[in-house]
PDB file of N, CA and C in Angstrom:
ATOM      1  N   HIS A   1       6.645 -13.595 117.764  1.00  0.00           N
ATOM      2  CA  HIS A   1       5.665 -14.494 117.210  1.00  0.00           C
ATOM      3  C   HIS A   1       6.181 -15.130 115.918  1.00  0.00           C
ATOM      4  N   ARG A   2       6.847 -14.352 115.137  1.00  0.00           N
ATOM      5  CA  ARG A   2       7.401 -14.835 113.868  1.00  0.00           C
ATOM      6  C   ARG A   2       8.412 -15.943 114.133  1.00  0.00           C
ATOM      7  N   GLU A   3       9.264 -15.752 115.115  1.00  0.00           N
ATOM      8  CA  GLU A   3      10.265 -16.766 115.464  1.00  0.00           C
ATOM      9  C   GLU A   3       9.592 -18.058 115.890  1.00  0.00           C
ATOM     10  N   SER A   4       8.527 -17.932 116.602  1.00  0.00           N
ATOM     11  CA  SER A   4       7.799 -19.103 117.057  1.00  0.00           C
ATOM     12  C   SER A   4       7.237 -19.880 115.867  1.00  0.00           C
ATOM     13  N   GLU A   5       6.724 -19.168 114.883  1.00  0.00           N
ATOM     14  CA  GLU A   5       6.195 -19.825 113.675  1.00  0.00           C
ATOM     15  C   GLU A   5       7.320 -20.499 112.897  1.00  0.00           C
ATOM     16  N   GLU A   6       8.454 -19.805 112.779  1.00  0.00           N
ATOM     17  CA  GLU A   6       9.599 -20.375 112.066  1.00  0.00           C
ATOM     18  C   GLU A   6      10.101 -21.621 112.781  1.00  0.00           C
ATOM     19  N   ARG A   7      10.145 -21.559 114.077  1.00  0.00           N
ATOM     20  CA  ARG A   7      10.572 -22.732 114.843  1.00  0.00           C
ATOM     21  C   ARG A   7       9.577 -23.880 114.651  1.00  0.00           C
ATOM     22  N   GLY A   8       8.295 -23.552 114.687  1.00  0.00           N
ATOM     23  CA  GLY A   8       7.260 -24.565 114.471  1.00  0.00           C
ATOM     24  C   GLY A   8       7.392 -25.192 113.094  1.00  0.00           C
ATOM     25  N   GLU A   9       7.621 -24.347 112.071  1.00  0.00           N
ATOM     26  CA  GLU A   9       7.802 -24.850 110.703  1.00  0.00           C
ATOM     27  C   GLU A   9       9.066 -25.701 110.617  1.00  0.00           C
ATOM     28  N   ARG A  10      10.100 -25.240 111.284  1.00  0.00           N
ATOM     29  CA  ARG A  10      11.373 -25.998 111.279  1.00  0.00           C
ATOM     30  C   ARG A  10      11.183 -27.358 111.960  1.00  0.00           C
ATOM     31  N   ILE A  11      10.437 -27.358 113.061  1.00  0.00           N
ATOM     32  CA  ILE A  11      10.168 -28.620 113.766  1.00  0.00           C
ATOM     33  C   ILE A  11       9.380 -29.560 112.862  1.00  0.00           C
ATOM     34  N   VAL A  12       8.368 -29.040 112.176  1.00  0.00           N
ATOM     35  CA  VAL A  12       7.561 -29.859 111.257  1.00  0.00           C
ATOM     36  C   VAL A  12       8.444 -30.390 110.132  1.00  0.00           C
ATOM     37  N   ALA A  13       9.311 -29.533 109.591  1.00  0.00           N
ATOM     38  CA  ALA A  13      10.205 -29.958 108.507  1.00  0.00           C
ATOM     39  C   ALA A  13      11.150 -31.052 108.994  1.00  0.00           C
ATOM     40  N   LEU A  14      11.691 -30.880 110.189  1.00  0.00           N
ATOM     41  CA  LEU A  14      12.595 -31.892 110.744  1.00  0.00           C
ATOM     42  C   LEU A  14      11.853 -33.200 111.016  1.00  0.00           C
ATOM     43  N   GLN A  15      10.613 -33.086 111.504  1.00  0.00           N
ATOM     44  CA  GLN A  15       9.818 -34.292 111.740  1.00  0.00           C
ATOM     45  C   GLN A  15       9.531 -35.017 110.419  1.00  0.00           C
ATOM     46  N   ASN A  16       9.222 -34.247 109.373  1.00  0.00           N
ATOM     47  CA  ASN A  16       8.984 -34.843 108.046  1.00  0.00           C
ATOM     48  C   ASN A  16      10.250 -35.518 107.524  1.00  0.00           C
ATOM     49  N   GLU A  17      11.375 -34.838 107.696  1.00  0.00           N
ATOM     50  CA  GLU A  17      12.653 -35.408 107.255  1.00  0.00           C
ATOM     51  C   GLU A  17      12.964 -36.686 108.022  1.00  0.00           C
ATOM     52  N   LEU A  18      12.726 -36.651 109.338  1.00  0.00           N
ATOM     53  CA  LEU A  18      12.946 -37.839 110.159  1.00  0.00           C
ATOM     54  C   LEU A  18      12.037 -38.977 109.710  1.00  0.00           C
ATOM     55  N   SER A  19      10.798 -38.663 109.434  1.00  0.00           N
ATOM     56  CA  SER A  19       9.842 -39.680 108.983  1.00  0.00           C
ATOM     57  C   SER A  19      10.297 -40.297 107.659  1.00  0.00           C
ATOM     58  N   GLU A  20      10.764 -39.459 106.736  1.00  0.00           N
ATOM     59  CA  GLU A  20      11.261 -39.961 105.445  1.00  0.00           C
ATOM     60  C   GLU A  20      12.486 -40.851 105.644  1.00  0.00           C
ATOM     61  N   GLN A  21      13.391 -40.429 106.518  1.00  0.00           N
ATOM     62  CA  GLN A  21      14.580 -41.233 106.799  1.00  0.00           C
ATOM     63  C   GLN A  21      14.196 -42.574 107.422  1.00  0.00           C
ATOM     64  N   GLN A  22      13.228 -42.547 108.312  1.00  0.00           N
ATOM     65  CA  GLN A  22      12.772 -43.792 108.926  1.00  0.00           C
ATOM     66  C   GLN A  22      12.137 -44.715 107.883  1.00  0.00           C
ATOM     67  N   GLN A  23      11.382 -44.139 106.959  1.00  0.00           N
ATOM     68  CA  GLN A  23      10.775 -44.946 105.890  1.00  0.00           C
ATOM     69  C   GLN A  23      11.856 -45.564 105.007  1.00  0.00           C
ATOM     70  N   ARG A  24      12.859 -44.765 104.635  1.00  0.00           N
ATOM     71  CA  ARG A  24      13.963 -45.293 103.817  1.00  0.00           C
ATOM     72  C   ARG A  24      14.721 -46.374 104.575  1.00  0.00           C
ATOM     73  N   ALA A  25      14.938 -46.146 105.859  1.00  0.00           N
ATOM     74  CA  ALA A  25      15.638 -47.146 106.673  1.00  0.00           C
ATOM     75  C   ALA A  25      14.812 -48.430 106.760  1.00  0.00           C
ATOM     76  N   GLN A  26      13.492 -48.299 106.922  1.00  0.00           N
ATOM     77  CA  GLN A  26      12.630 -49.483 106.980  1.00  0.00           C
ATOM     78  C   GLN A  26      12.640 -50.221 105.644  1.00  0.00           C
ATOM     79  N   GLN A  27      12.625 -49.469 104.536  1.00  0.00           N
ATOM     80  CA  GLN A  27      12.692 -50.103 103.212  1.00  0.00           C
ATOM     81  C   GLN A  27      14.015 -50.844 103.036  1.00  0.00           C
ATOM     82  N   ALA A  28      15.104 -50.212 103.466  1.00  0.00           N
ATOM     83  CA  ALA A  28      16.415 -50.865 103.369  1.00  0.00           C
ATOM     84  C   ALA A  28      16.444 -52.116 104.233  1.00  0.00           C
ATOM     85  N   LEU A  29      15.874 -52.020 105.430  1.00  0.00           N
ATOM     86  CA  LEU A  29      15.813 -53.174 106.325  1.00  0.00           C
ATOM     87  C   LEU A  29      14.970 -54.295 105.714  1.00  0.00           C
ATOM     88  N   ASP A  30      13.836 -53.940 105.113  1.00  0.00           N
ATOM     89  CA  ASP A  30      12.986 -54.938 104.452  1.00  0.00           C
ATOM     90  C   ASP A  30      13.734 -55.624 103.311  1.00  0.00           C
ATOM     91  N   GLN A  31      14.489 -54.833 102.538  1.00  0.00           N
ATOM     92  CA  GLN A  31      15.273 -55.412 101.441  1.00  0.00           C
ATOM     93  C   GLN A  31      16.358 -56.342 101.981  1.00  0.00           C
ATOM     94  N   LEU A  32      16.987 -55.947 103.065  1.00  0.00           N
ATOM     95  CA  LEU A  32      18.006 -56.806 103.674  1.00  0.00           C
ATOM     96  C   LEU A  32      17.398 -58.111 104.172  1.00  0.00           C
ATOM     97  N   HIS A  33      16.223 -58.028 104.792  1.00  0.00           N
ATOM     98  CA  HIS A  33      15.545 -59.243 105.256  1.00  0.00           C
ATOM     99  C   HIS A  33      15.190 -60.148 104.084  1.00  0.00           C
ATOM    100  N   LEU A  34      14.709 -59.551 102.994  1.00  0.00           N
ATOM    101  CA  LEU A  34      14.372 -60.335 101.805  1.00  0.00           C
ATOM    102  C   LEU A  34      15.629 -60.988 101.228  1.00  0.00           C
ATOM    103  N   GLY A  35      16.711 -60.218 101.155  1.00  0.00           N
ATOM    104  CA  GLY A  35      17.974 -60.774 100.664  1.00  0.00           C
ATOM    105  C   GLY A  35      18.478 -61.899 101.549  1.00  0.00           C
ATOM    106  N   LEU A  36      18.348 -61.722 102.855  1.00  0.00           N
ATOM    107  CA  LEU A  36      18.768 -62.760 103.795  1.00  0.00           C
ATOM    108  C   LEU A  36      17.928 -64.018 103.620  1.00  0.00           C
ATOM    109  N   GLN A  37      16.622 -63.839 103.470  1.00  0.00           N
ATOM    110  CA  GLN A  37      15.728 -64.985 103.276  1.00  0.00           C
ATOM    111  C   GLN A  37      16.070 -65.721 101.977  1.00  0.00           C
ATOM    112  N   THR A  38      16.315 -64.967 100.918  1.00  0.00           N
ATOM    113  CA  THR A  38      16.688 -65.573  99.635  1.00  0.00           C
ATOM    114  C   THR A  38      18.006 -66.330  99.765  1.00  0.00           C
ATOM    115  N   SER A  39      18.976 -65.713 100.415  1.00  0.00           N
ATOM    116  CA  SER A  39      20.276 -66.373 100.606  1.00  0.00           C
ATOM    117  C   SER A  39      20.134 -67.631 101.447  1.00  0.00           C
ATOM    118  N   ARG A  40      19.306 -67.578 102.469  1.00  0.00           N
ATOM    119  CA  ARG A  40      19.084 -68.741 103.330  1.00  0.00           C
ATOM    120  C   ARG A  40      18.451 -69.885 102.525  1.00  0.00           C
ATOM    121  N   GLN A  41      17.477 -69.557 101.680  1.00  0.00           N
ATOM    122  CA  GLN A  41      16.836 -70.581 100.852  1.00  0.00           C
ATOM    123  C   GLN A  41      17.838 -71.184  99.871  1.00  0.00           C
ATOM    124  N   GLN A  42      18.664 -70.336  99.268  1.00  0.00           N
ATOM    125  CA  GLN A  42      19.678 -70.837  98.342  1.00  0.00           C
ATOM    126  C   GLN A  42      20.669 -71.739  99.064  1.00  0.00           C
ATOM    127  N   LEU A  43      21.047 -71.356 100.266  1.00  0.00           N
ATOM    128  CA  LEU A  43      21.976 -72.164 101.053  1.00  0.00           C
ATOM    129  C   LEU A  43      21.352 -73.505 101.410  1.00  0.00           C
ATOM    130  N   GLU A  44      20.087 -73.495 101.817  1.00  0.00           N
ATOM    131  CA  GLU A  44      19.404 -74.744 102.146  1.00  0.00           C
ATOM    132  C   GLU A  44      19.317 -75.659 100.928  1.00  0.00           C
ATOM    133  N   THR A  45      19.046 -75.077  99.762  1.00  0.00           N
ATOM    134  CA  THR A  45      18.999 -75.861  98.529  1.00  0.00           C
ATOM    135  C   THR A  45      20.371 -76.447  98.219  1.00  0.00           C
ATOM    136  N   ALA A  46      21.411 -75.632  98.372  1.00  0.00           N
ATOM    137  CA  ALA A  46      22.771 -76.112  98.102  1.00  0.00           C
ATOM    138  C   ALA A  46      23.161 -77.225  99.067  1.00  0.00           C
ATOM    139  N   VAL A  47      22.792 -77.089 100.331  1.00  0.00           N
ATOM    140  CA  VAL A  47      23.103 -78.129 101.322  1.00  0.00           C
ATOM    141  C   VAL A  47      22.378 -79.422 100.968  1.00  0.00           C
ATOM    142  N   ALA A  48      21.105 -79.315 100.561  1.00  0.00           N
ATOM    143  CA  ALA A  48      20.345 -80.509 100.170  1.00  0.00           C
ATOM    144  C   ALA A  48      20.972 -81.162  98.942  1.00  0.00           C
ATOM    145  N   ASP A  49      21.374 -80.344  97.960  1.00  0.00           N
ATOM    146  CA  ASP A  49      22.028 -80.886  96.761  1.00  0.00           C
ATOM    147  C   ASP A  49      23.334 -81.579  97.130  1.00  0.00           C
ATOM    148  N   LEU A  50      24.096 -80.954  97.996  1.00  0.00           N
ATOM    149  CA  LEU A  50      25.364 -81.535  98.427  1.00  0.00           C
ATOM    150  C   LEU A  50      25.133 -82.847  99.169  1.00  0.00           C
ATOM    151  N   SER A  51      24.113 -82.881  99.986  1.00  0.00           N
ATOM    152  CA  SER A  51      23.793 -84.105 100.724  1.00  0.00           C
ATOM    153  C   SER A  51      23.431 -85.233  99.762  1.00  0.00           C
ATOM    154  N   ARG A  52      22.637 -84.913  98.730  1.00  0.00           N
ATOM    155  CA  ARG A  52      22.297 -85.932  97.724  1.00  0.00           C
ATOM    156  C   ARG A  52      23.548 -86.394  96.980  1.00  0.00           C
ATOM    157  N   ALA A  53      24.427 -85.456  96.652  1.00  0.00           N
ATOM    158  CA  ALA A  53      25.659 -85.812  95.942  1.00  0.00           C
ATOM    159  C   ALA A  53      26.538 -86.719  96.800  1.00  0.00           C
ATOM    160  N   VAL A  54      26.621 -86.429  98.080  1.00  0.00           N
ATOM    161  CA  VAL A  54      27.410 -87.275  98.987  1.00  0.00           C
ATOM    162  C   VAL A  54      26.820 -88.679  99.038  1.00  0.00           C
ATOM    163  N   GLY A  55      25.488 -88.769  99.089  1.00  0.00           N
ATOM    164  CA  GLY A  55      24.833 -90.077  99.081  1.00  0.00           C
ATOM    165  C   GLY A  55      25.144 -90.854  97.820  1.00  0.00           C
ATOM    166  N   LEU A  56      25.100 -90.163  96.680  1.00  0.00           N
ATOM    167  CA  LEU A  56      25.421 -90.824  95.410  1.00  0.00           C
ATOM    168  C   LEU A  56      26.882 -91.269  95.380  1.00  0.00           C
ATOM    169  N   LEU A  57      27.771 -90.432  95.886  1.00  0.00           N
ATOM    170  CA  LEU A  57      29.187 -90.803  95.927  1.00  0.00           C
ATOM    171  C   LEU A  57      29.422 -91.995  96.846  1.00  0.00           C
ATOM    172  N   ASP A  58      28.726 -92.025  97.966  1.00  0.00           N
ATOM    173  CA  ASP A  58      28.853 -93.171  98.877  1.00  0.00           C
ATOM    174  C   ASP A  58      28.398 -94.456  98.192  1.00  0.00           C
ATOM    175  N   ARG A  59      27.263 -94.366  97.468  1.00  0.00           N
ATOM    176  CA  ARG A  59      26.785 -95.563  96.759  1.00  0.00           C
ATOM    177  C   ARG A  59      27.759 -95.974  95.658  1.00  0.00           C
ATOM    178  N   ALA A  60      28.300 -94.989  94.940  1.00  0.00           N
ATOM    179  CA  ALA A  60      29.262 -95.298  93.881  1.00  0.00           C
ATOM    180  C   ALA A  60      30.511 -95.950  94.466  1.00  0.00           C
ATOM    181  N   GLU A  61      30.978 -95.437  95.584  1.00  0.00           N
ATOM    182  CA  GLU A  61      32.158 -96.017  96.229  1.00  0.00           C
ATOM    183  C   GLU A  61      31.881 -97.450  96.674  1.00  0.00           C
ATOM    184  N   ALA A  62      30.698 -97.687  97.232  1.00  0.00           N
ATOM    185  CA  ALA A  62      30.339 -99.043  97.662  1.00  0.00           C
ATOM    186  C   ALA A  62      30.294 -99.988  96.466  1.00  0.00           C
ATOM    187  N   THR A  63      29.772 -99.502  95.342  1.00  0.00           N
ATOM    188  CA  THR A  63      29.723-100.318  94.127  1.00  0.00           C
ATOM    189  C   THR A  63      31.129-100.636  93.637  1.00  0.00           C
ATOM    190  N   ILE A  64      32.010 -99.658  93.674  1.00  0.00           N
ATOM    191  CA  ILE A  64      33.392 -99.872  93.234  1.00  0.00           C
ATOM    192  C   ILE A  64      34.080-100.898  94.126  1.00  0.00           C
ATOM    193  N   VAL A  65      33.891-100.777  95.429  1.00  0.00           N
ATOM    194  CA  VAL A  65      34.497-101.735  96.362  1.00  0.00           C
ATOM    195  C   VAL A  65      33.956-103.134  96.091  1.00  0.00           C
ATOM    196  N   GLU A  66      32.646-103.229  95.903  1.00  0.00           N
ATOM    197  CA  GLU A  66      32.017-104.527  95.641  1.00  0.00           C
ATOM    198  C   GLU A  66      32.560-105.146  94.353  1.00  0.00           C
ATOM    199  N   ARG A  67      32.657-104.344  93.310  1.00  0.00           N
ATOM    200  CA  ARG A  67      33.146-104.863  92.022  1.00  0.00           C
ATOM    201  C   ARG A  67      34.633-105.202  92.081  1.00  0.00           C
ATOM    202  N   THR A  68      35.389-104.426  92.830  1.00  0.00           N
ATOM    203  CA  THR A  68      36.811-104.728  92.988  1.00  0.00           C
ATOM    204  C   THR A  68      36.992-106.054  93.715  1.00  0.00           C
ATOM    205  N   ASP A  69      36.218-106.251  94.770  1.00  0.00           N
ATOM    206  CA  ASP A  69      36.282-107.525  95.500  1.00  0.00           C
ATOM    207  C   ASP A  69      35.890-108.687  94.594  1.00  0.00           C
ATOM    208  N   TRP A  70      34.839-108.507  93.793  1.00  0.00           N
ATOM    209  CA  TRP A  70      34.404-109.545  92.852  1.00  0.00           C
ATOM    210  C   TRP A  70      35.527-109.849  91.854  1.00  0.00           C
ATOM    211  N   ALA A  71      36.152-108.803  91.309  1.00  0.00           N
ATOM    212  CA  ALA A  71      37.226-108.998  90.331  1.00  0.00           C
ATOM    213  C   ALA A  71      38.403-109.745  90.961  1.00  0.00           C
ATOM    214  N   ARG A  72      38.716-109.433  92.196  1.00  0.00           N
ATOM    215  CA  ARG A  72      39.812-110.134  92.880  1.00  0.00           C
ATOM    216  C   ARG A  72      39.467-111.608  93.084  1.00  0.00           C
ATOM    217  N   ARG A  73      38.224-111.878  93.478  1.00  0.00           N
ATOM    218  CA  ARG A  73      37.810-113.282  93.652  1.00  0.00           C
ATOM    219  C   ARG A  73      37.895-114.033  92.323  1.00  0.00           C
ATOM    220  N   GLU A  74      37.449-113.399  91.263  1.00  0.00           N
ATOM    221  CA  GLU A  74      37.505-114.042  89.946  1.00  0.00           C
ATOM    222  C   GLU A  74      38.954-114.252  89.505  1.00  0.00           C
ATOM    223  N   GLN A  75      39.819-113.293  89.813  1.00  0.00           N
ATOM    224  CA  GLN A  75      41.237-113.426  89.474  1.00  0.00           C
ATOM    225  C   GLN A  75      41.846-114.603  90.226  1.00  0.00           C
ATOM    226  N   HIS A  76      41.507-114.744  91.500  1.00  0.00           N
ATOM    227  CA  HIS A  76      42.014-115.881  92.289  1.00  0.00           C
ATOM    228  C   HIS A  76      41.509-117.205  91.721  1.00  0.00           C
ATOM    229  N   LYS A  77      40.242-117.234  91.318  1.00  0.00           N
ATOM    230  CA  LYS A  77      39.692-118.450  90.710  1.00  0.00           C
ATOM    231  C   LYS A  77      40.447-118.789  89.426  1.00  0.00           C
ATOM    232  N   ALA A  78      40.684-117.770  88.600  1.00  0.00           N
ATOM    233  CA  ALA A  78      41.388-117.993  87.334  1.00  0.00           C
ATOM    234  C   ALA A  78      42.805-118.505  87.590  1.00  0.00           C
ATOM    235  N   GLU A  79      43.491-117.919  88.551  1.00  0.00           N
ATOM    236  CA  GLU A  79      44.850-118.371  88.869  1.00  0.00           C
ATOM    237  C   GLU A  79      44.833-119.805  89.386  1.00  0.00           C
ATOM    238  N   SER A  80      43.843-120.127  90.199  1.00  0.00           N
ATOM    239  CA  SER A  80      43.724-121.494  90.716  1.00  0.00           C
ATOM    240  C   SER A  80      43.490-122.479  89.578  1.00  0.00           C
ATOM    241  N   LEU A  81      42.607-122.115  88.658  1.00  0.00           N
ATOM    242  CA  LEU A  81      42.336-123.000  87.515  1.00  0.00           C
ATOM    243  C   LEU A  81      43.568-123.139  86.618  1.00  0.00           C
ATOM    244  N   GLU A  82      44.312-122.059  86.443  1.00  0.00           N
ATOM    245  CA  GLU A  82      45.539-122.133  85.639  1.00  0.00           C
ATOM    246  C   GLU A  82      46.543-123.082  86.285  1.00  0.00           C
ATOM    247  N   ARG A  83      46.657-123.038  87.618  1.00  0.00           N
ATOM    248  CA  ARG A  83      47.563-123.965  88.308  1.00  0.00           C
ATOM    249  C   ARG A  83      47.100-125.415  88.123  1.00  0.00           C
ATOM    250  N   ILE A  84      45.797-125.646  88.209  1.00  0.00           N
ATOM    251  CA  ILE A  84      45.269-127.001  88.026  1.00  0.00           C
ATOM    252  C   ILE A  84      45.549-127.491  86.613  1.00  0.00           C
ATOM    253  N   VAL A  85      45.314-126.629  85.625  1.00  0.00           N
ATOM    254  CA  VAL A  85      45.574-127.009  84.230  1.00  0.00           C
ATOM    255  C   VAL A  85      47.058-127.306  84.047  1.00  0.00           C
ATOM    256  N   ALA A  86      47.925-126.491  84.650  1.00  0.00           N
ATOM    257  CA  ALA A  86      49.367-126.726  84.530  1.00  0.00           C
ATOM    258  C   ALA A  86      49.740-128.065  85.155  1.00  0.00           C
ATOM    259  N   LEU A  87      49.174-128.375  86.325  1.00  0.00           N
ATOM    260  CA  LEU A  87      49.463-129.661  86.969  1.00  0.00           C
ATOM    261  C   LEU A  87      48.950-130.828  86.133  1.00  0.00           C
ATOM    262  N   VAL A  88      47.739-130.669  85.607  1.00  0.00           N
ATOM    263  CA  VAL A  88      47.167-131.752  84.789  1.00  0.00           C
ATOM    264  C   VAL A  88      48.000-131.962  83.538  1.00  0.00           C
ATOM    265  N   SER A  89      48.394-130.879  82.881  1.00  0.00           N
ATOM    266  CA  SER A  89      49.152-131.023  81.629  1.00  0.00           C
ATOM    267  C   SER A  89      50.544-131.612  81.872  1.00  0.00           C
ATOM    268  N   GLN A  90      51.070-131.510  83.091  1.00  0.00           N
ATOM    269  CA  GLN A  90      52.371-132.095  83.410  1.00  0.00           C
ATOM    270  C   GLN A  90      52.258-133.544  83.896  1.00  0.00           C
ATOM    271  N   SER A  91      51.045-133.988  84.085  1.00  0.00           N
ATOM    272  CA  SER A  91      50.826-135.351  84.580  1.00  0.00           C
ATOM    273  C   SER A  91      51.302-136.376  83.551  1.00  0.00           C
ATOM    274  N   ARG A  92      51.921-137.480  84.064  1.00  0.00           N
ATOM    275  CA  ARG A  92      52.356-138.560  83.152  1.00  0.00           C
ATOM    276  C   ARG A  92      51.175-139.136  82.406  1.00  0.00           C
ATOM    277  N   TRP A  93      50.065-139.336  83.087  1.00  0.00           N
ATOM    278  CA  TRP A  93      48.895-139.950  82.457  1.00  0.00           C
ATOM    279  C   TRP A  93      48.323-139.040  81.376  1.00  0.00           C
ATOM    280  N   PHE A  94      48.334-137.767  81.618  1.00  0.00           N
ATOM    281  CA  PHE A  94      47.808-136.836  80.621  1.00  0.00           C
ATOM    282  C   PHE A  94      48.716-136.824  79.390  1.00  0.00           C
ATOM    283  N   ARG A  95      50.035-136.791  79.621  1.00  0.00           N
ATOM    284  CA  ARG A  95      50.966-136.785  78.489  1.00  0.00           C
ATOM    285  C   ARG A  95      50.867-138.088  77.705  1.00  0.00           C
ATOM    286  N   LEU A  96      50.674-139.197  78.406  1.00  0.00           N
ATOM    287  CA  LEU A  96      50.507-140.480  77.721  1.00  0.00           C
ATOM    288  C   LEU A  96      49.246-140.451  76.864  1.00  0.00           C
ATOM    289  N   GLY A  97      48.167-139.920  77.421  1.00  0.00           N
ATOM    290  CA  GLY A  97      46.919-139.809  76.660  1.00  0.00           C
ATOM    291  C   GLY A  97      47.094-138.933  75.436  1.00  0.00           C
ATOM    292  N   ARG A  98      47.857-137.873  75.536  1.00  0.00           N
ATOM    293  CA  ARG A  98      48.081-136.978  74.392  1.00  0.00           C
ATOM    294  C   ARG A  98      48.885-137.698  73.317  1.00  0.00           C
ATOM    295  N   ARG A  99      49.879-138.543  73.725  1.00  0.00           N
ATOM    296  CA  ARG A  99      50.665-139.285  72.732  1.00  0.00           C
ATOM    297  C   ARG A  99      49.787-140.268  71.976  1.00  0.00           C
ATOM    298  N   LEU A 100      48.791-140.795  72.691  1.00  0.00           N
ATOM    299  CA  LEU A 100      47.876-141.754  72.071  1.00  0.00           C
ATOM    300  C   LEU A 100      46.714-141.035  71.385  1.00  0.00           C
ATOM    301  N   LYS A 101      46.803-139.727  71.292  1.00  0.00           N
ATOM    302  CA  LYS A 101      45.781-138.879  70.661  1.00  0.00           C
ATOM    303  C   LYS A 101      44.451-138.961  71.412  1.00  0.00           C
ATOM    304  N   LEU A 102      44.521-139.051  72.723  1.00  0.00           N
ATOM    305  CA  LEU A 102      43.341-139.081  73.582  1.00  0.00           C
ATOM    306  C   LEU A 102      43.343-137.826  74.460  1.00  0.00           C
ATOM    307  N   GLY A 103      42.191-137.325  74.805  1.00  0.00           N
ATOM    308  CA  GLY A 103      42.090-136.186  75.718  1.00  0.00           C
ATOM    309  C   GLY A 103      42.241-134.850  75.002  1.00  0.00           C
ATOM    310  N   PRO A 104      41.948-133.788  75.692  1.00  0.00           N
ATOM    311  CA  PRO A 104      41.978-132.443  75.088  1.00  0.00           C
ATOM    312  C   PRO A 104      43.385-131.867  75.033  1.00  0.00           C
ATOM    313  N   LYS A 105      43.529-130.867  74.177  1.00  0.00           N
ATOM    314  CA  LYS A 105      44.787-130.114  74.131  1.00  0.00           C
ATOM    315  C   LYS A 105      44.693-128.994  75.163  1.00  0.00           C
ATOM    316  N   LEU A 106      45.705-128.922  76.003  1.00  0.00           N
ATOM    317  CA  LEU A 106      45.726-127.856  77.015  1.00  0.00           C
ATOM    318  C   LEU A 106      46.858-126.909  76.753  1.00  0.00           C
TER     319      LEU A 106
END
């Protein structure tokens, strides 16, 4: 009879130990789920931030291309005007006008 009681007590003790281990395992699992959820939210935030940054970089690149094209067009205009001024200043009529103190200085 004594052995039966000891076995019963041992079974109860083992069941209690198992229950405690299961509770600790569930707590650890809950913490892991919380950590995973937090990491997922942080990742989603980082992806959204990165997406916004890419959009800003795309707009900045488009602006740079647009301004570069504008600068090239203006440079071509300036070169064209310089050629016209050079041709005009080499003209016989322009040089004659300059000798007679007529017309602008180029």
